[in-house]
Every structure is written in C-alpha cells, then in structure tokens.
Amino acid sequence: QDGDTKSLEQLVIMDNEIKLFQNTPNPFNQSTSIKMQLPERVQQADLMIYNLEGKQVDHRSINSRGLVEFELAGGSLDAGMYIYALIVDGEVVDQKRMILTQ
C-alpha cells in the first residue's frame, strides 16, 4: 500500500476535526485567504477579526461546512497586526495572527 494513502477511518477522523489554517499570504497588503475546516456537526460558526487593542474590526458568519475559504481585503483596514478567531457553537476553538502591510 502507498505510504501516502490514508485509510477511510483516518479520513473520517480528519473530516471530523475543526481546524483554522494560517492565512496566506502573510504578511499581505491587498488581500489574504483564510481557510478553515468545519464538520457537518457544527451548528454555528463565526470568524472574528480583532485589532491588537481587542476591537472587533470584521465578522463573518460561516454557513458552509467542509473546507471553507474567505478572502479578506486589506483595503478597509489600517496596516498592522490583527488576530482572527474561529468561534464554533459559542466557543473560541483557535486564533491566529496576520499582518497587513502598507
């Protein structure tokens, strides 16, 4: 068996995971892509973006499941570091940092 082939059981476990990926590119100046994986069991999911003072600068409700991708345009934000958080069924499951350059 090919060493790269994943068993069906492994794929089901992987599909069942909630995962937030690092945005790409990072740092970015015009736009960046944020991907996440959300299993079907998730009832509510939101992506929140905060500046370093803790002020929410963007919010996206996520209605899709599976591998989900958002494009974030940097034009509406000031240059600097931001934190984005994935909130699933009312709990913060992960957060990451991104840098917007001028």
N, C-alpha and C. Protein backbone atom coordinates (compact mmCIF):
# COMPACT_ATOMS: atom_id res chain seq x y z
N GLN A 1 0.85 -1.20 0.00
CA GLN A 1 0.00 0.00 0.00
C GLN A 1 0.88 1.25 0.00
N ASP A 2 0.47 2.25 -0.73
CA ASP A 2 1.20 3.52 -0.83
C ASP A 2 1.23 4.19 0.54
N GLY A 3 2.40 4.64 0.94
CA GLY A 3 2.56 5.26 2.25
C GLY A 3 1.77 6.56 2.41
N ASP A 4 1.41 7.21 1.29
CA ASP A 4 0.67 8.47 1.35
C ASP A 4 -0.84 8.26 1.40
N THR A 5 -1.28 7.02 1.19
CA THR A 5 -2.72 6.74 1.17
C THR A 5 -3.24 6.69 2.60
N LYS A 6 -4.29 7.43 2.85
CA LYS A 6 -4.89 7.45 4.18
C LYS A 6 -6.08 6.48 4.19
N SER A 7 -6.22 5.78 5.30
CA SER A 7 -7.36 4.86 5.41
C SER A 7 -8.65 5.67 5.51
N LEU A 8 -9.76 5.02 5.20
CA LEU A 8 -11.06 5.67 5.30
C LEU A 8 -11.29 6.16 6.72
N GLU A 9 -10.87 5.38 7.70
CA GLU A 9 -11.04 5.78 9.11
C GLU A 9 -10.27 7.07 9.40
N GLN A 10 -9.04 7.17 8.91
CA GLN A 10 -8.25 8.38 9.12
C GLN A 10 -8.91 9.59 8.45
N LEU A 11 -9.46 9.39 7.26
CA LEU A 11 -10.10 10.49 6.55
C LEU A 11 -11.35 10.95 7.30
N VAL A 12 -12.11 10.02 7.85
CA VAL A 12 -13.31 10.38 8.62
C VAL A 12 -12.90 11.18 9.86
N ILE A 13 -11.84 10.74 10.52
CA ILE A 13 -11.37 11.48 11.70
C ILE A 13 -10.93 12.88 11.29
N MET A 14 -10.19 12.96 10.18
CA MET A 14 -9.73 14.27 9.72
C MET A 14 -10.91 15.16 9.33
N ASP A 15 -11.91 14.60 8.67
CA ASP A 15 -13.08 15.39 8.27
C ASP A 15 -13.88 15.84 9.48
N ASN A 16 -13.72 15.16 10.59
CA ASN A 16 -14.48 15.47 11.79
C ASN A 16 -13.81 16.57 12.61
N GLU A 17 -12.58 16.93 12.26
CA GLU A 17 -11.85 17.94 13.01
C GLU A 17 -12.27 19.35 12.61
N ILE A 18 -12.24 20.22 13.60
CA ILE A 18 -12.41 21.65 13.34
C ILE A 18 -11.01 22.23 13.27
N LYS A 19 -10.70 22.92 12.19
CA LYS A 19 -9.34 23.43 12.02
C LYS A 19 -9.37 24.81 11.41
N LEU A 20 -8.54 25.69 11.95
CA LEU A 20 -8.33 27.03 11.39
C LEU A 20 -6.90 27.07 10.87
N PHE A 21 -6.75 27.46 9.61
CA PHE A 21 -5.42 27.49 8.99
C PHE A 21 -4.86 28.90 9.01
N GLN A 22 -3.54 28.99 8.91
CA GLN A 22 -2.88 30.30 8.82
C GLN A 22 -3.26 30.95 7.50
N ASN A 23 -3.53 32.25 7.55
CA ASN A 23 -3.87 32.97 6.32
C ASN A 23 -2.69 32.99 5.36
N THR A 24 -2.98 33.04 4.08
CA THR A 24 -1.94 33.15 3.06
C THR A 24 -2.37 34.18 2.02
N PRO A 25 -1.50 35.05 1.56
CA PRO A 25 -0.16 35.22 2.11
C PRO A 25 -0.20 35.97 3.44
N ASN A 26 0.87 35.84 4.19
CA ASN A 26 1.01 36.56 5.45
C ASN A 26 2.49 36.88 5.62
N PRO A 27 2.87 38.14 5.69
CA PRO A 27 2.06 39.37 5.64
C PRO A 27 1.41 39.56 4.26
N PHE A 28 0.37 40.40 4.24
CA PHE A 28 -0.33 40.71 3.00
C PHE A 28 -0.57 42.21 2.92
N ASN A 29 -0.84 42.72 1.69
CA ASN A 29 -1.15 44.14 1.59
C ASN A 29 -2.47 44.40 0.86
N GLN A 30 -2.89 43.53 -0.06
CA GLN A 30 -4.15 43.77 -0.76
C GLN A 30 -5.24 42.83 -0.28
N SER A 31 -4.95 41.54 -0.31
CA SER A 31 -5.94 40.58 0.19
C SER A 31 -5.23 39.33 0.67
N THR A 32 -5.92 38.58 1.51
CA THR A 32 -5.38 37.33 2.04
C THR A 32 -6.52 36.32 2.11
N SER A 33 -6.14 35.07 2.11
CA SER A 33 -7.12 33.98 2.16
C SER A 33 -7.05 33.31 3.53
N ILE A 34 -8.21 33.11 4.14
CA ILE A 34 -8.31 32.40 5.42
C ILE A 34 -9.15 31.15 5.18
N LYS A 35 -8.56 29.98 5.49
CA LYS A 35 -9.26 28.72 5.30
C LYS A 35 -9.53 28.06 6.65
N MET A 36 -10.62 27.30 6.68
CA MET A 36 -10.94 26.53 7.87
C MET A 36 -11.67 25.28 7.45
N GLN A 37 -11.65 24.30 8.32
CA GLN A 37 -12.39 23.07 8.08
C GLN A 37 -13.44 22.93 9.16
N LEU A 38 -14.69 22.74 8.72
CA LEU A 38 -15.82 22.64 9.65
C LEU A 38 -16.63 21.38 9.34
N PRO A 39 -16.72 20.45 10.28
CA PRO A 39 -17.53 19.26 10.04
C PRO A 39 -19.02 19.58 10.04
N GLU A 40 -19.81 18.67 9.49
CA GLU A 40 -21.26 18.87 9.37
C GLU A 40 -21.93 19.07 10.73
N ARG A 41 -21.36 18.51 11.79
CA ARG A 41 -21.99 18.59 13.12
C ARG A 41 -22.00 20.01 13.70
N VAL A 42 -21.20 20.90 13.13
CA VAL A 42 -21.13 22.28 13.63
C VAL A 42 -22.46 22.98 13.35
N GLN A 43 -23.04 23.57 14.39
CA GLN A 43 -24.31 24.27 14.22
C GLN A 43 -24.12 25.73 13.85
N GLN A 44 -23.16 26.39 14.52
CA GLN A 44 -22.92 27.81 14.24
C GLN A 44 -21.42 28.06 14.24
N ALA A 45 -20.96 28.82 13.24
CA ALA A 45 -19.54 29.15 13.15
C ALA A 45 -19.40 30.60 12.71
N ASP A 46 -18.44 31.28 13.33
CA ASP A 46 -18.16 32.68 13.01
C ASP A 46 -16.66 32.90 12.97
N LEU A 47 -16.25 33.77 12.07
CA LEU A 47 -14.86 34.21 12.01
C LEU A 47 -14.84 35.67 12.46
N MET A 48 -14.09 35.94 13.53
CA MET A 48 -14.00 37.28 14.08
C MET A 48 -12.58 37.79 13.86
N ILE A 49 -12.47 39.06 13.51
CA ILE A 49 -11.15 39.68 13.31
C ILE A 49 -11.05 40.87 14.25
N TYR A 50 -9.95 40.91 15.00
CA TYR A 50 -9.73 41.94 16.00
C TYR A 50 -8.41 42.65 15.75
N ASN A 51 -8.35 43.94 16.11
CA ASN A 51 -7.06 44.61 16.12
C ASN A 51 -6.38 44.29 17.46
N LEU A 52 -5.16 44.77 17.65
CA LEU A 52 -4.42 44.41 18.87
C LEU A 52 -4.98 45.08 20.12
N GLU A 53 -5.84 46.07 19.95
CA GLU A 53 -6.49 46.67 21.12
C GLU A 53 -7.72 45.85 21.54
N GLY A 54 -8.03 44.82 20.78
CA GLY A 54 -9.17 43.97 21.10
C GLY A 54 -10.48 44.42 20.48
N LYS A 55 -10.42 45.44 19.63
CA LYS A 55 -11.64 45.93 18.97
C LYS A 55 -11.95 45.04 17.76
N GLN A 56 -13.19 44.58 17.68
CA GLN A 56 -13.61 43.77 16.54
C GLN A 56 -13.69 44.66 15.30
N VAL A 57 -12.98 44.25 14.24
CA VAL A 57 -12.97 45.04 13.00
C VAL A 57 -13.70 44.35 11.85
N ASP A 58 -14.00 43.06 12.02
CA ASP A 58 -14.74 42.34 10.99
C ASP A 58 -15.37 41.10 11.62
N HIS A 59 -16.47 40.65 11.02
CA HIS A 59 -17.17 39.46 11.49
C HIS A 59 -17.81 38.78 10.29
N ARG A 60 -17.59 37.49 10.18
CA ARG A 60 -18.20 36.72 9.09
C ARG A 60 -18.92 35.52 9.68
N SER A 61 -20.21 35.40 9.39
CA SER A 61 -20.94 34.19 9.73
C SER A 61 -20.62 33.14 8.67
N ILE A 62 -20.35 31.93 9.10
CA ILE A 62 -19.95 30.87 8.18
C ILE A 62 -21.09 29.86 8.09
N ASN A 63 -21.70 29.79 6.92
CA ASN A 63 -22.83 28.88 6.73
C ASN A 63 -22.44 27.59 6.04
N SER A 64 -21.28 27.56 5.41
CA SER A 64 -20.82 26.35 4.70
C SER A 64 -20.14 25.40 5.67
N ARG A 65 -20.03 24.15 5.26
CA ARG A 65 -19.30 23.14 6.02
C ARG A 65 -18.30 22.48 5.08
N GLY A 66 -17.36 21.75 5.67
CA GLY A 66 -16.27 21.18 4.90
C GLY A 66 -15.12 22.17 4.90
N LEU A 67 -14.36 22.23 3.81
CA LEU A 67 -13.27 23.19 3.70
C LEU A 67 -13.84 24.51 3.21
N VAL A 68 -13.71 25.54 4.03
CA VAL A 68 -14.30 26.85 3.75
C VAL A 68 -13.16 27.85 3.60
N GLU A 69 -13.31 28.78 2.65
CA GLU A 69 -12.27 29.78 2.41
C GLU A 69 -12.89 31.16 2.28
N PHE A 70 -12.27 32.13 2.96
CA PHE A 70 -12.68 33.53 2.85
C PHE A 70 -11.54 34.34 2.29
N GLU A 71 -11.88 35.31 1.45
CA GLU A 71 -10.91 36.31 1.01
C GLU A 71 -11.15 37.56 1.84
N LEU A 72 -10.10 38.08 2.44
CA LEU A 72 -10.20 39.29 3.23
C LEU A 72 -9.44 40.39 2.51
N ALA A 73 -10.13 41.46 2.17
CA ALA A 73 -9.50 42.59 1.50
C ALA A 73 -8.87 43.50 2.56
N GLY A 74 -7.63 43.87 2.34
CA GLY A 74 -6.94 44.71 3.30
C GLY A 74 -7.26 46.18 3.19
N GLY A 75 -7.95 46.58 2.12
CA GLY A 75 -8.19 47.99 1.87
C GLY A 75 -9.00 48.69 2.94
N SER A 76 -9.84 47.96 3.66
CA SER A 76 -10.69 48.59 4.67
C SER A 76 -10.02 48.66 6.04
N LEU A 77 -8.80 48.12 6.15
CA LEU A 77 -8.11 48.07 7.44
C LEU A 77 -6.82 48.88 7.39
N ASP A 78 -6.39 49.34 8.55
CA ASP A 78 -5.09 50.02 8.66
C ASP A 78 -3.98 48.98 8.72
N ALA A 79 -2.78 49.37 8.30
CA ALA A 79 -1.64 48.47 8.39
C ALA A 79 -1.41 48.11 9.86
N GLY A 80 -1.01 46.86 10.09
CA GLY A 80 -0.73 46.42 11.45
C GLY A 80 -1.01 44.94 11.62
N MET A 81 -0.93 44.49 12.86
CA MET A 81 -1.19 43.09 13.18
C MET A 81 -2.64 42.92 13.63
N TYR A 82 -3.24 41.83 13.20
CA TYR A 82 -4.62 41.50 13.56
C TYR A 82 -4.69 40.07 14.05
N ILE A 83 -5.68 39.79 14.85
CA ILE A 83 -5.93 38.44 15.34
C ILE A 83 -7.26 37.99 14.77
N TYR A 84 -7.29 36.81 14.20
CA TYR A 84 -8.57 36.26 13.74
C TYR A 84 -8.87 34.99 14.52
N ALA A 85 -10.13 34.85 14.90
CA ALA A 85 -10.55 33.75 15.75
C ALA A 85 -11.72 33.01 15.12
N LEU A 86 -11.68 31.70 15.23
CA LEU A 86 -12.78 30.85 14.78
C LEU A 86 -13.61 30.49 16.01
N ILE A 87 -14.89 30.85 15.97
CA ILE A 87 -15.79 30.58 17.07
C ILE A 87 -16.83 29.57 16.57
N VAL A 88 -16.87 28.42 17.22
CA VAL A 88 -17.77 27.34 16.81
C VAL A 88 -18.69 27.01 17.96
N ASP A 89 -19.98 27.09 17.71
CA ASP A 89 -21.01 26.79 18.71
C ASP A 89 -20.72 27.52 20.03
N GLY A 90 -20.33 28.79 19.91
CA GLY A 90 -20.14 29.64 21.07
C GLY A 90 -18.80 29.56 21.76
N GLU A 91 -17.87 28.73 21.25
CA GLU A 91 -16.55 28.61 21.87
C GLU A 91 -15.46 28.98 20.88
N VAL A 92 -14.44 29.70 21.37
CA VAL A 92 -13.28 30.00 20.54
C VAL A 92 -12.46 28.73 20.43
N VAL A 93 -12.34 28.20 19.20
CA VAL A 93 -11.58 26.96 19.03
C VAL A 93 -10.13 27.20 18.62
N ASP A 94 -9.87 28.33 17.97
CA ASP A 94 -8.50 28.64 17.58
C ASP A 94 -8.42 30.10 17.18
N GLN A 95 -7.22 30.64 17.29
CA GLN A 95 -6.99 32.01 16.81
C GLN A 95 -5.57 32.10 16.26
N LYS A 96 -5.41 32.99 15.30
CA LYS A 96 -4.10 33.15 14.66
C LYS A 96 -3.89 34.64 14.40
N ARG A 97 -2.63 34.97 14.10
CA ARG A 97 -2.28 36.38 13.82
C ARG A 97 -1.97 36.55 12.35
N MET A 98 -2.28 37.76 11.86
CA MET A 98 -1.94 38.11 10.49
C MET A 98 -1.44 39.54 10.46
N ILE A 99 -0.63 39.83 9.49
CA ILE A 99 -0.03 41.17 9.38
C ILE A 99 -0.41 41.80 8.06
N LEU A 100 -0.98 42.98 8.14
CA LEU A 100 -1.32 43.78 6.97
C LEU A 100 -0.25 44.85 6.82
N THR A 101 0.42 44.87 5.65
CA THR A 101 1.43 45.88 5.39
C THR A 101 0.83 46.97 4.52
N GLN A 102 1.53 48.09 4.40
CA GLN A 102 1.00 49.21 3.61
C GLN A 102 1.21 48.98 2.13
